Amino acid sequence: MHGVMSTAAVYLLALIFAGLGGYMLLRRHGPNLWIGVRLPWTLADRDIWDKSWRLAAMFLLGMGVGILVSLKLFGIAVAHLIILGVLYPVFLYRRKYGTLRYWKDQGWIDYHPVARCALCGHFQRLAGHADLDRGACEACGAKRPEPRTAPLAAWPPGAKKGRNCIK
């Protein structure tokens, strides 16, 4: 089957990865420090946490099945888990809030989102992701738009490419 690994090791790894992927598909844990895609953007928004959790679970199941087929397929699944597991939550956060900024309060996982006003470009701290569609901009008083669901076609008005980086 595999020249590099023994058959018992292959089946053990398949059982571990497929079991962890199945567990993650059946159970939904909230943001924590032990299991899941623990990035500041996933810890700041529960919806993004759930979507990245589901993606990671599917990749872990793919790794469990992939190691039974070939080590190449397993390596491809590992690369996808690492690369897409990091890029997907960042993409979702940027699409939803219009920025990659976040703010951290006291504590280990106490991250909160930051919204960007589409009219004046002002960054405003939010208490949670539910506050995105409530209230108005602190600087200009404009009502915050609905969360984005479509990919960005262009930069928001008044935005500059260099201002959207995390500092």
Protein backbone atom coordinates (compact mmCIF):
# COMPACT_ATOMS: atom_id res chain seq x y z
CA MET A 1 0.00 0.00 0.00
CA HIS A 2 2.46 2.69 1.18
CA GLY A 3 6.17 2.12 0.99
CA VAL A 4 7.05 4.79 3.55
CA MET A 5 4.57 3.92 6.31
CA SER A 6 3.31 0.65 7.73
CA THR A 7 -0.28 -0.35 7.08
CA ALA A 8 -1.18 -0.03 10.76
CA ALA A 9 0.12 3.56 10.88
CA VAL A 10 -1.85 4.46 7.76
CA TYR A 11 -5.10 3.09 9.21
CA LEU A 12 -4.41 4.79 12.56
CA LEU A 13 -3.87 8.18 10.90
CA ALA A 14 -6.97 7.68 8.74
CA LEU A 15 -9.00 6.89 11.84
CA ILE A 16 -7.66 9.94 13.72
CA PHE A 17 -8.24 12.45 10.91
CA ALA A 18 -11.58 11.06 9.75
CA GLY A 19 -12.74 10.73 13.36
CA LEU A 20 -11.78 14.31 14.18
CA GLY A 21 -13.44 15.56 10.97
CA GLY A 22 -16.61 13.63 11.74
CA TYR A 23 -16.64 14.91 15.31
CA MET A 24 -16.26 18.47 14.06
CA LEU A 25 -19.14 18.03 11.59
CA LEU A 26 -21.45 16.64 14.27
CA ARG A 27 -20.49 18.99 17.12
CA ARG A 28 -20.30 22.77 16.90
CA HIS A 29 -18.12 24.36 19.54
CA GLY A 30 -17.97 28.11 19.95
CA PRO A 31 -14.70 30.03 19.70
CA ASN A 32 -12.17 28.55 22.11
CA LEU A 33 -8.43 28.13 22.51
CA TRP A 34 -8.23 24.36 22.03
CA ILE A 35 -9.78 23.26 18.76
CA GLY A 36 -10.78 25.04 15.56
CA VAL A 37 -9.36 27.74 13.31
CA ARG A 38 -8.17 30.17 15.98
CA LEU A 39 -7.49 33.42 14.15
CA PRO A 40 -8.40 36.89 15.41
CA TRP A 41 -11.02 37.22 12.65
CA THR A 42 -12.74 33.95 13.56
CA LEU A 43 -12.65 34.77 17.26
CA ALA A 44 -14.24 38.18 16.57
CA ASP A 45 -17.26 36.82 14.66
CA ARG A 46 -19.23 33.66 15.46
CA ASP A 47 -20.61 33.29 11.90
CA ILE A 48 -17.10 33.27 10.43
CA TRP A 49 -16.02 30.80 13.13
CA ASP A 50 -18.83 28.41 12.13
CA LYS A 51 -18.03 28.61 8.41
CA SER A 52 -14.30 28.04 8.93
CA TRP A 53 -15.08 25.20 11.40
CA ARG A 54 -17.19 23.47 8.74
CA LEU A 55 -14.49 23.91 6.08
CA ALA A 56 -11.79 22.51 8.38
CA ALA A 57 -14.02 19.53 9.24
CA MET A 58 -14.45 18.69 5.55
CA PHE A 59 -10.70 18.94 4.93
CA LEU A 60 -9.99 16.67 7.91
CA LEU A 61 -12.41 14.08 6.55
CA GLY A 62 -10.66 14.40 3.19
CA MET A 63 -7.31 13.85 4.88
CA GLY A 64 -8.62 10.69 6.56
CA VAL A 65 -9.87 9.27 3.27
CA GLY A 66 -6.91 10.62 1.31
CA ILE A 67 -4.28 8.79 3.35
CA LEU A 68 -6.01 5.50 2.58
CA VAL A 69 -5.70 6.24 -1.16
CA SER A 70 -2.21 7.74 -1.37
CA LEU A 71 0.25 9.89 0.51
CA LYS A 72 0.18 12.45 -2.32
CA LEU A 73 -3.55 12.98 -1.88
CA PHE A 74 -3.02 13.27 1.87
CA GLY A 75 -0.32 15.92 1.32
CA ILE A 76 -2.61 17.88 -0.99
CA ALA A 77 -5.38 17.82 1.62
CA VAL A 78 -2.95 19.01 4.32
CA ALA A 79 -1.81 21.91 2.12
CA HIS A 80 -5.42 22.87 1.40
CA LEU A 81 -6.31 22.71 5.10
CA ILE A 82 -3.44 25.01 6.04
CA ILE A 83 -3.73 27.51 3.19
CA LEU A 84 -7.50 27.70 2.77
CA GLY A 85 -8.11 27.33 6.49
CA VAL A 86 -6.28 30.64 6.98
CA LEU A 87 -7.38 32.50 3.83
CA TYR A 88 -11.09 31.65 3.93
CA PRO A 89 -11.86 33.34 7.30
CA VAL A 90 -9.81 36.39 6.32
CA PHE A 91 -11.75 36.64 3.04
CA LEU A 92 -15.11 36.29 4.83
CA TYR A 93 -14.20 38.93 7.43
CA ARG A 94 -13.02 41.39 4.77
CA ARG A 95 -16.18 40.84 2.73
CA LYS A 96 -18.48 41.29 5.74
CA TYR A 97 -16.86 44.25 7.54
CA GLY A 98 -14.99 46.00 4.71
CA THR A 99 -11.70 45.88 6.61
CA LEU A 100 -9.27 43.43 8.19
CA ARG A 101 -9.05 45.39 11.41
CA TYR A 102 -10.28 44.06 14.73
CA TRP A 103 -9.84 45.12 18.33
CA LYS A 104 -8.89 43.04 21.33
CA ASP A 105 -10.16 43.63 24.83
CA GLN A 106 -8.66 42.18 28.00
CA GLY A 107 -8.53 38.39 27.99
CA TRP A 108 -7.35 35.50 25.86
CA ILE A 109 -9.99 35.29 23.14
CA ASP A 110 -11.86 38.56 23.61
CA TYR A 111 -11.61 39.81 20.01
CA HIS A 112 -14.23 42.15 18.54
CA PRO A 113 -14.94 43.27 14.96
CA VAL A 114 -14.34 46.72 13.51
CA ALA A 115 -16.69 48.10 10.84
CA ARG A 116 -15.78 50.64 8.21
CA CYS A 117 -18.23 53.37 7.21
CA ALA A 118 -18.86 53.20 3.47
CA LEU A 119 -19.49 56.96 3.30
CA CYS A 120 -16.58 58.53 5.19
CA GLY A 121 -14.20 55.57 5.71
CA HIS A 122 -14.25 55.87 9.53
CA PHE A 123 -13.36 52.72 11.51
CA GLN A 124 -15.75 52.00 14.37
CA ARG A 125 -15.44 49.38 17.10
CA LEU A 126 -18.38 47.00 17.47
CA ALA A 127 -19.31 45.02 20.56
CA GLY A 128 -20.14 41.99 18.41
CA HIS A 129 -21.11 40.88 14.93
CA ALA A 130 -24.81 41.50 15.67
CA ASP A 131 -24.12 45.26 15.97
CA LEU A 132 -23.09 45.55 12.33
CA ASP A 133 -26.60 46.31 11.05
CA ARG A 134 -27.56 48.55 13.99
CA GLY A 135 -26.68 52.16 14.66
CA ALA A 136 -24.85 54.78 12.67
CA CYS A 137 -21.30 55.96 12.01
CA GLU A 138 -19.79 57.91 14.92
CA ALA A 139 -18.06 60.37 12.59
CA CYS A 140 -20.63 61.27 9.91
CA GLY A 141 -23.89 59.85 11.32
CA ALA A 142 -24.63 57.72 8.24
CA LYS A 143 -26.54 54.48 8.82
CA ARG A 144 -24.35 51.41 8.50
CA PRO A 145 -25.14 49.31 5.43
CA GLU A 146 -26.28 45.72 5.56
CA PRO A 147 -23.49 43.11 5.86
CA ARG A 148 -21.95 42.20 2.52
CA THR A 149 -22.72 38.86 1.01
CA ALA A 150 -21.34 39.37 -2.48
CA PRO A 151 -17.61 39.66 -3.28
CA LEU A 152 -16.16 43.16 -3.36
CA ALA A 153 -16.31 44.65 -6.85
CA ALA A 154 -14.17 47.65 -5.89
CA TRP A 155 -12.76 49.43 -2.86
CA PRO A 156 -15.33 51.33 -0.74
CA PRO A 157 -15.61 55.08 -1.45
CA GLY A 158 -12.85 57.05 0.23
CA ALA A 159 -10.78 53.93 0.89
CA LYS A 160 -7.13 53.61 0.02
CA LYS A 161 -5.35 50.31 -0.40
CA GLY A 162 -2.71 51.02 2.25
CA ARG A 163 -5.29 52.00 4.91
CA ASN A 164 -6.94 48.57 5.00
CA CYS A 165 -3.96 46.76 6.49
CA ILE A 166 -3.76 45.66 10.09
CA LYS A 167 -1.48 47.88 12.07
